[in-house]
Amino acid sequence: MNLLNILSLILEVLTMLMGVWIGLAKKQPYGWLIALTFLIYVIYDLSRFLNTTLPAHDLLFLAASVSIFIAVGMVGMQK
């Protein structure tokens, strides 16, 4: 894993944690969806780093895409 991969993984983890913070502190449900999306990205990147195969990785990416789509929609619907 090179430096850019490591930096990307760190940013994904930080983004996931920010989503958790939005969900907990701000009590915004879209925060949990953001956290879920980036948790899936972290799991995928870690699996690549560890040379493990993820079963149904296409379904994981679909879940991440649906999650962030709904989160962005919720943000857009706010007053």
PDB file of N, CA and C in Angstrom:
ATOM      1  N   MET A   1       0.867  -1.170   0.000  1.00  0.00           N
ATOM      2  CA  MET A   1       0.000   0.000   0.000  1.00  0.00           C
ATOM      3  C   MET A   1       0.907   1.224   0.000  1.00  0.00           C
ATOM      4  N   ASN A   2       0.671   2.122  -0.944  1.00  0.00           N
ATOM      5  CA  ASN A   2       1.536   3.295  -1.023  1.00  0.00           C
ATOM      6  C   ASN A   2       0.966   4.461  -0.214  1.00  0.00           C
ATOM      7  N   LEU A   3       1.686   5.545  -0.187  1.00  0.00           N
ATOM      8  CA  LEU A   3       1.321   6.700   0.634  1.00  0.00           C
ATOM      9  C   LEU A   3      -0.055   7.251   0.267  1.00  0.00           C
ATOM     10  N   LEU A   4      -0.364   7.317  -1.022  1.00  0.00           N
ATOM     11  CA  LEU A   4      -1.670   7.854  -1.427  1.00  0.00           C
ATOM     12  C   LEU A   4      -2.815   6.966  -0.937  1.00  0.00           C
ATOM     13  N   ASN A   5      -2.619   5.646  -0.961  1.00  0.00           N
ATOM     14  CA  ASN A   5      -3.634   4.733  -0.444  1.00  0.00           C
ATOM     15  C   ASN A   5      -3.839   4.924   1.056  1.00  0.00           C
ATOM     16  N   ILE A   6      -2.748   5.112   1.763  1.00  0.00           N
ATOM     17  CA  ILE A   6      -2.826   5.310   3.212  1.00  0.00           C
ATOM     18  C   ILE A   6      -3.525   6.622   3.525  1.00  0.00           C
ATOM     19  N   LEU A   7      -3.173   7.682   2.805  1.00  0.00           N
ATOM     20  CA  LEU A   7      -3.836   8.975   3.021  1.00  0.00           C
ATOM     21  C   LEU A   7      -5.327   8.890   2.706  1.00  0.00           C
ATOM     22  N   SER A   8      -5.668   8.187   1.654  1.00  0.00           N
ATOM     23  CA  SER A   8      -7.070   8.010   1.294  1.00  0.00           C
ATOM     24  C   SER A   8      -7.813   7.252   2.387  1.00  0.00           C
ATOM     25  N   LEU A   9      -7.210   6.208   2.913  1.00  0.00           N
ATOM     26  CA  LEU A   9      -7.832   5.432   3.985  1.00  0.00           C
ATOM     27  C   LEU A   9      -8.033   6.286   5.235  1.00  0.00           C
ATOM     28  N   ILE A  10      -7.051   7.103   5.573  1.00  0.00           N
ATOM     29  CA  ILE A  10      -7.164   7.996   6.731  1.00  0.00           C
ATOM     30  C   ILE A  10      -8.318   8.974   6.528  1.00  0.00           C
ATOM     31  N   LEU A  11      -8.423   9.550   5.329  1.00  0.00           N
ATOM     32  CA  LEU A  11      -9.527  10.478   5.055  1.00  0.00           C
ATOM     33  C   LEU A  11     -10.881   9.770   5.105  1.00  0.00           C
ATOM     34  N   GLU A  12     -10.935   8.534   4.637  1.00  0.00           N
ATOM     35  CA  GLU A  12     -12.187   7.780   4.701  1.00  0.00           C
ATOM     36  C   GLU A  12     -12.597   7.544   6.155  1.00  0.00           C
ATOM     37  N   VAL A  13     -11.638   7.183   6.998  1.00  0.00           N
ATOM     38  CA  VAL A  13     -11.936   6.960   8.415  1.00  0.00           C
ATOM     39  C   VAL A  13     -12.395   8.259   9.069  1.00  0.00           C
ATOM     40  N   LEU A  14     -11.705   9.351   8.784  1.00  0.00           N
ATOM     41  CA  LEU A  14     -12.097  10.642   9.365  1.00  0.00           C
ATOM     42  C   LEU A  14     -13.488  11.069   8.895  1.00  0.00           C
ATOM     43  N   THR A  15     -13.798  10.835   7.631  1.00  0.00           N
ATOM     44  CA  THR A  15     -15.119  11.168   7.110  1.00  0.00           C
ATOM     45  C   THR A  15     -16.187  10.308   7.779  1.00  0.00           C
ATOM     46  N   MET A  16     -15.887   9.036   7.981  1.00  0.00           N
ATOM     47  CA  MET A  16     -16.816   8.151   8.674  1.00  0.00           C
ATOM     48  C   MET A  16     -17.074   8.662  10.096  1.00  0.00           C
ATOM     49  N   LEU A  17     -16.015   9.047  10.785  1.00  0.00           N
ATOM     50  CA  LEU A  17     -16.159   9.561  12.147  1.00  0.00           C
ATOM     51  C   LEU A  17     -16.945  10.873  12.179  1.00  0.00           C
ATOM     52  N   MET A  18     -16.757  11.699  11.174  1.00  0.00           N
ATOM     53  CA  MET A  18     -17.541  12.936  11.093  1.00  0.00           C
ATOM     54  C   MET A  18     -19.022  12.617  10.888  1.00  0.00           C
ATOM     55  N   GLY A  19     -19.314  11.585  10.094  1.00  0.00           N
ATOM     56  CA  GLY A  19     -20.696  11.151   9.914  1.00  0.00           C
ATOM     57  C   GLY A  19     -21.309  10.692  11.227  1.00  0.00           C
ATOM     58  N   VAL A  20     -20.547   9.940  12.014  1.00  0.00           N
ATOM     59  CA  VAL A  20     -21.020   9.503  13.332  1.00  0.00           C
ATOM     60  C   VAL A  20     -21.280  10.722  14.210  1.00  0.00           C
ATOM     61  N   TRP A  21     -20.371  11.684  14.175  1.00  0.00           N
ATOM     62  CA  TRP A  21     -20.543  12.904  14.974  1.00  0.00           C
ATOM     63  C   TRP A  21     -21.810  13.655  14.553  1.00  0.00           C
ATOM     64  N   ILE A  22     -22.047  13.763  13.250  1.00  0.00           N
ATOM     65  CA  ILE A  22     -23.260  14.427  12.759  1.00  0.00           C
ATOM     66  C   ILE A  22     -24.505  13.682  13.261  1.00  0.00           C
ATOM     67  N   GLY A  23     -24.438  12.363  13.243  1.00  0.00           N
ATOM     68  CA  GLY A  23     -25.562  11.566  13.723  1.00  0.00           C
ATOM     69  C   GLY A  23     -25.790  11.712  15.216  1.00  0.00           C
ATOM     70  N   LEU A  24     -24.712  11.710  15.996  1.00  0.00           N
ATOM     71  CA  LEU A  24     -24.843  11.784  17.453  1.00  0.00           C
ATOM     72  C   LEU A  24     -25.051  13.203  17.965  1.00  0.00           C
ATOM     73  N   ALA A  25     -24.121  14.080  17.660  1.00  0.00           N
ATOM     74  CA  ALA A  25     -24.136  15.431  18.238  1.00  0.00           C
ATOM     75  C   ALA A  25     -25.192  16.321  17.606  1.00  0.00           C
ATOM     76  N   LYS A  26     -25.312  16.233  16.298  1.00  0.00           N
ATOM     77  CA  LYS A  26     -26.260  17.096  15.588  1.00  0.00           C
ATOM     78  C   LYS A  26     -27.630  16.445  15.436  1.00  0.00           C
ATOM     79  N   LYS A  27     -27.705  15.158  15.778  1.00  0.00           N
ATOM     80  CA  LYS A  27     -28.952  14.396  15.686  1.00  0.00           C
ATOM     81  C   LYS A  27     -29.563  14.448  14.286  1.00  0.00           C
ATOM     82  N   GLN A  28     -28.681  14.344  13.290  1.00  0.00           N
ATOM     83  CA  GLN A  28     -29.112  14.335  11.892  1.00  0.00           C
ATOM     84  C   GLN A  28     -28.971  12.919  11.339  1.00  0.00           C
ATOM     85  N   PRO A  29     -30.072  12.327  10.884  1.00  0.00           N
ATOM     86  CA  PRO A  29     -29.999  10.946  10.407  1.00  0.00           C
ATOM     87  C   PRO A  29     -29.089  10.755   9.193  1.00  0.00           C
ATOM     88  N   TYR A  30     -28.894  11.801   8.390  1.00  0.00           N
ATOM     89  CA  TYR A  30     -28.016  11.634   7.240  1.00  0.00           C
ATOM     90  C   TYR A  30     -26.568  11.401   7.663  1.00  0.00           C
ATOM     91  N   GLY A  31     -26.211  11.791   8.869  1.00  0.00           N
ATOM     92  CA  GLY A  31     -24.864  11.536   9.381  1.00  0.00           C
ATOM     93  C   GLY A  31     -24.573  10.041   9.448  1.00  0.00           C
ATOM     94  N   TRP A  32     -25.572   9.269   9.857  1.00  0.00           N
ATOM     95  CA  TRP A  32     -25.402   7.819   9.931  1.00  0.00           C
ATOM     96  C   TRP A  32     -25.241   7.213   8.547  1.00  0.00           C
ATOM     97  N   LEU A  33     -25.922   7.769   7.568  1.00  0.00           N
ATOM     98  CA  LEU A  33     -25.789   7.266   6.198  1.00  0.00           C
ATOM     99  C   LEU A  33     -24.410   7.584   5.632  1.00  0.00           C
ATOM    100  N   ILE A  34     -23.907   8.764   5.950  1.00  0.00           N
ATOM    101  CA  ILE A  34     -22.543   9.121   5.535  1.00  0.00           C
ATOM    102  C   ILE A  34     -21.545   8.172   6.198  1.00  0.00           C
ATOM    103  N   ALA A  35     -21.748   7.925   7.488  1.00  0.00           N
ATOM    104  CA  ALA A  35     -20.857   7.013   8.210  1.00  0.00           C
ATOM    105  C   ALA A  35     -20.898   5.616   7.595  1.00  0.00           C
ATOM    106  N   LEU A  36     -22.083   5.130   7.251  1.00  0.00           N
ATOM    107  CA  LEU A  36     -22.210   3.811   6.636  1.00  0.00           C
ATOM    108  C   LEU A  36     -21.469   3.751   5.298  1.00  0.00           C
ATOM    109  N   THR A  37     -21.657   4.775   4.479  1.00  0.00           N
ATOM    110  CA  THR A  37     -20.991   4.818   3.177  1.00  0.00           C
ATOM    111  C   THR A  37     -19.486   4.705   3.331  1.00  0.00           C
ATOM    112  N   PHE A  38     -18.925   5.506   4.214  1.00  0.00           N
ATOM    113  CA  PHE A  38     -17.467   5.508   4.342  1.00  0.00           C
ATOM    114  C   PHE A  38     -16.951   4.314   5.126  1.00  0.00           C
ATOM    115  N   LEU A  39     -17.775   3.717   5.978  1.00  0.00           N
ATOM    116  CA  LEU A  39     -17.385   2.463   6.609  1.00  0.00           C
ATOM    117  C   LEU A  39     -17.214   1.375   5.550  1.00  0.00           C
ATOM    118  N   ILE A  40     -18.124   1.336   4.591  1.00  0.00           N
ATOM    119  CA  ILE A  40     -18.011   0.362   3.502  1.00  0.00           C
ATOM    120  C   ILE A  40     -16.733   0.615   2.707  1.00  0.00           C
ATOM    121  N   TYR A  41     -16.418   1.879   2.432  1.00  0.00           N
ATOM    122  CA  TYR A  41     -15.184   2.198   1.709  1.00  0.00           C
ATOM    123  C   TYR A  41     -13.948   1.749   2.500  1.00  0.00           C
ATOM    124  N   VAL A  42     -13.970   1.967   3.816  1.00  0.00           N
ATOM    125  CA  VAL A  42     -12.838   1.566   4.659  1.00  0.00           C
ATOM    126  C   VAL A  42     -12.679   0.048   4.638  1.00  0.00           C
ATOM    127  N   ILE A  43     -13.779  -0.670   4.769  1.00  0.00           N
ATOM    128  CA  ILE A  43     -13.726  -2.135   4.749  1.00  0.00           C
ATOM    129  C   ILE A  43     -13.156  -2.622   3.416  1.00  0.00           C
ATOM    130  N   TYR A  44     -13.628  -2.039   2.336  1.00  0.00           N
ATOM    131  CA  TYR A  44     -13.142  -2.446   1.018  1.00  0.00           C
ATOM    132  C   TYR A  44     -11.643  -2.185   0.881  1.00  0.00           C
ATOM    133  N   ASP A  45     -11.207  -0.981   1.247  1.00  0.00           N
ATOM    134  CA  ASP A  45      -9.785  -0.645   1.111  1.00  0.00           C
ATOM    135  C   ASP A  45      -8.914  -1.506   2.019  1.00  0.00           C
ATOM    136  N   LEU A  46      -9.394  -1.779   3.225  1.00  0.00           N
ATOM    137  CA  LEU A  46      -8.626  -2.648   4.118  1.00  0.00           C
ATOM    138  C   LEU A  46      -8.539  -4.065   3.565  1.00  0.00           C
ATOM    139  N   SER A  47      -9.609  -4.528   2.938  1.00  0.00           N
ATOM    140  CA  SER A  47      -9.565  -5.873   2.356  1.00  0.00           C
ATOM    141  C   SER A  47      -8.540  -5.948   1.229  1.00  0.00           C
ATOM    142  N   ARG A  48      -8.431  -4.887   0.456  1.00  0.00           N
ATOM    143  CA  ARG A  48      -7.409  -4.851  -0.590  1.00  0.00           C
ATOM    144  C   ARG A  48      -6.010  -4.845   0.015  1.00  0.00           C
ATOM    145  N   PHE A  49      -5.855  -4.068   1.083  1.00  0.00           N
ATOM    146  CA  PHE A  49      -4.561  -3.976   1.757  1.00  0.00           C
ATOM    147  C   PHE A  49      -4.151  -5.330   2.338  1.00  0.00           C
ATOM    148  N   LEU A  50      -5.118  -6.059   2.885  1.00  0.00           N
ATOM    149  CA  LEU A  50      -4.844  -7.342   3.521  1.00  0.00           C
ATOM    150  C   LEU A  50      -4.928  -8.523   2.541  1.00  0.00           C
ATOM    151  N   ASN A  51      -5.174  -8.208   1.268  1.00  0.00           N
ATOM    152  CA  ASN A  51      -5.293  -9.244   0.228  1.00  0.00           C
ATOM    153  C   ASN A  51      -6.374 -10.271   0.549  1.00  0.00           C
ATOM    154  N   THR A  52      -7.511  -9.806   1.032  1.00  0.00           N
ATOM    155  CA  THR A  52      -8.646 -10.687   1.311  1.00  0.00           C
ATOM    156  C   THR A  52      -9.743 -10.410   0.298  1.00  0.00           C
ATOM    157  N   THR A  53     -10.489 -11.418   0.001  1.00  0.00           N
ATOM    158  CA  THR A  53     -11.588 -11.261  -0.941  1.00  0.00           C
ATOM    159  C   THR A  53     -12.870 -10.979  -0.181  1.00  0.00           C
ATOM    160  N   LEU A  54     -13.570  -9.968  -0.622  1.00  0.00           N
ATOM    161  CA  LEU A  54     -14.868  -9.660  -0.021  1.00  0.00           C
ATOM    162  C   LEU A  54     -15.968 -10.348  -0.819  1.00  0.00           C
ATOM    163  N   PRO A  55     -16.793 -11.137  -0.149  1.00  0.00           N
ATOM    164  CA  PRO A  55     -17.917 -11.713  -0.879  1.00  0.00           C
ATOM    165  C   PRO A  55     -18.913 -10.612  -1.216  1.00  0.00           C
ATOM    166  N   ALA A  56     -19.442 -10.661  -2.397  1.00  0.00           N
ATOM    167  CA  ALA A  56     -20.487  -9.726  -2.840  1.00  0.00           C
ATOM    168  C   ALA A  56     -20.049  -8.270  -2.718  1.00  0.00           C
ATOM    169  N   HIS A  57     -18.820  -7.967  -3.145  1.00  0.00           N
ATOM    170  CA  HIS A  57     -18.356  -6.581  -3.030  1.00  0.00           C
ATOM    171  C   HIS A  57     -19.188  -5.636  -3.899  1.00  0.00           C
ATOM    172  N   ASP A  58     -19.784  -6.151  -4.955  1.00  0.00           N
ATOM    173  CA  ASP A  58     -20.665  -5.308  -5.780  1.00  0.00           C
ATOM    174  C   ASP A  58     -21.882  -4.852  -4.983  1.00  0.00           C
ATOM    175  N   LEU A  59     -22.419  -5.748  -4.157  1.00  0.00           N
ATOM    176  CA  LEU A  59     -23.563  -5.375  -3.321  1.00  0.00           C
ATOM    177  C   LEU A  59     -23.159  -4.346  -2.262  1.00  0.00           C
ATOM    178  N   LEU A  60     -21.934  -4.469  -1.759  1.00  0.00           N
ATOM    179  CA  LEU A  60     -21.455  -3.475  -0.793  1.00  0.00           C
ATOM    180  C   LEU A  60     -21.377  -2.096  -1.434  1.00  0.00           C
ATOM    181  N   PHE A  61     -20.847  -2.036  -2.649  1.00  0.00           N
ATOM    182  CA  PHE A  61     -20.754  -0.747  -3.326  1.00  0.00           C
ATOM    183  C   PHE A  61     -22.134  -0.198  -3.669  1.00  0.00           C
ATOM    184  N   LEU A  62     -23.066  -1.073  -4.004  1.00  0.00           N
ATOM    185  CA  LEU A  62     -24.439  -0.619  -4.244  1.00  0.00           C
ATOM    186  C   LEU A  62     -25.023  -0.036  -2.961  1.00  0.00           C
ATOM    187  N   ALA A  63     -24.805  -0.705  -1.830  1.00  0.00           N
ATOM    188  CA  ALA A  63     -25.294  -0.203  -0.544  1.00  0.00           C
ATOM    189  C   ALA A  63     -24.673   1.157  -0.225  1.00  0.00           C
ATOM    190  N   ALA A  64     -23.378   1.311  -0.502  1.00  0.00           N
ATOM    191  CA  ALA A  64     -22.711   2.596  -0.256  1.00  0.00           C
ATOM    192  C   ALA A  64     -23.297   3.685  -1.154  1.00  0.00           C
ATOM    193  N   SER A  65     -23.562   3.358  -2.404  1.00  0.00           N
ATOM    194  CA  SER A  65     -24.117   4.344  -3.342  1.00  0.00           C
ATOM    195  C   SER A  65     -25.529   4.753  -2.947  1.00  0.00           C
ATOM    196  N   VAL A  66     -26.338   3.782  -2.546  1.00  0.00           N
ATOM    197  CA  VAL A  66     -27.707   4.088  -2.110  1.00  0.00           C
ATOM    198  C   VAL A  66     -27.664   4.939  -0.844  1.00  0.00           C
ATOM    199  N   SER A  67     -26.778   4.584   0.073  1.00  0.00           N
ATOM    200  CA  SER A  67     -26.660   5.307   1.337  1.00  0.00           C
ATOM    201  C   SER A  67     -26.290   6.774   1.115  1.00  0.00           C
ATOM    202  N   ILE A  68     -25.284   7.036   0.303  1.00  0.00           N
ATOM    203  CA  ILE A  68     -24.873   8.426   0.090  1.00  0.00           C
ATOM    204  C   ILE A  68     -25.899   9.175  -0.745  1.00  0.00           C
ATOM    205  N   PHE A  69     -26.588   8.489  -1.648  1.00  0.00           N
ATOM    206  CA  PHE A  69     -27.646   9.113  -2.442  1.00  0.00           C
ATOM    207  C   PHE A  69     -28.760   9.614  -1.525  1.00  0.00           C
ATOM    208  N   ILE A  70     -29.193   8.777  -0.596  1.00  0.00           N
ATOM    209  CA  ILE A  70     -30.248   9.179   0.337  1.00  0.00           C
ATOM    210  C   ILE A  70     -29.752  10.304   1.248  1.00  0.00           C
ATOM    211  N   ALA A  71     -28.498  10.200   1.716  1.00  0.00           N
ATOM    212  CA  ALA A  71     -27.940  11.239   2.597  1.00  0.00           C
ATOM    213  C   ALA A  71     -27.906  12.590   1.902  1.00  0.00           C
ATOM    214  N   VAL A  72     -27.460  12.619   0.652  1.00  0.00           N
ATOM    215  CA  VAL A  72     -27.403  13.887  -0.090  1.00  0.00           C
ATOM    216  C   VAL A  72     -28.814  14.419  -0.309  1.00  0.00           C
ATOM    217  N   GLY A  73     -29.754  13.528  -0.583  1.00  0.00           N
ATOM    218  CA  GLY A  73     -31.152  13.957  -0.714  1.00  0.00           C
ATOM    219  C   GLY A  73     -31.672  14.567   0.573  1.00  0.00           C
ATOM    220  N   MET A  74     -31.332  13.979   1.712  1.00  0.00           N
ATOM    221  CA  MET A  74     -31.773  14.521   2.996  1.00  0.00           C
ATOM    222  C   MET A  74     -31.162  15.887   3.271  1.00  0.00           C
ATOM    223  N   VAL A  75     -29.893  16.044   2.927  1.00  0.00           N
ATOM    224  CA  VAL A  75     -29.236  17.348   3.097  1.00  0.00           C
ATOM    225  C   VAL A  75     -29.916  18.380   2.214  1.00  0.00           C
ATOM    226  N   GLY A  76     -30.214  18.005   0.987  1.00  0.00           N
ATOM    227  CA  GLY A  76     -30.850  18.922   0.033  1.00  0.00           C
ATOM    228  C   GLY A  76     -32.259  19.320   0.426  1.00  0.00           C
ATOM    229  N   MET A  77     -32.941  18.472   1.187  1.00  0.00           N
ATOM    230  CA  MET A  77     -34.325  18.749   1.583  1.00  0.00           C
ATOM    231  C   MET A  77     -34.417  19.613   2.842  1.00  0.00           C
ATOM    232  N   GLN A  78     -33.285  19.846   3.497  1.00  0.00           N
ATOM    233  CA  GLN A  78     -33.308  20.664   4.714  1.00  0.00           C
ATOM    234  C   GLN A  78     -33.660  22.091   4.397  1.00  0.00           C
ATOM    235  N   LYS A  79     -34.262  22.734   5.396  1.00  0.00           N
ATOM    236  CA  LYS A  79     -34.650  24.141   5.245  1.00  0.00           C
ATOM    237  C   LYS A  79     -33.462  25.052   5.417  1.00  0.00           C
TER     238      LYS A  79
END
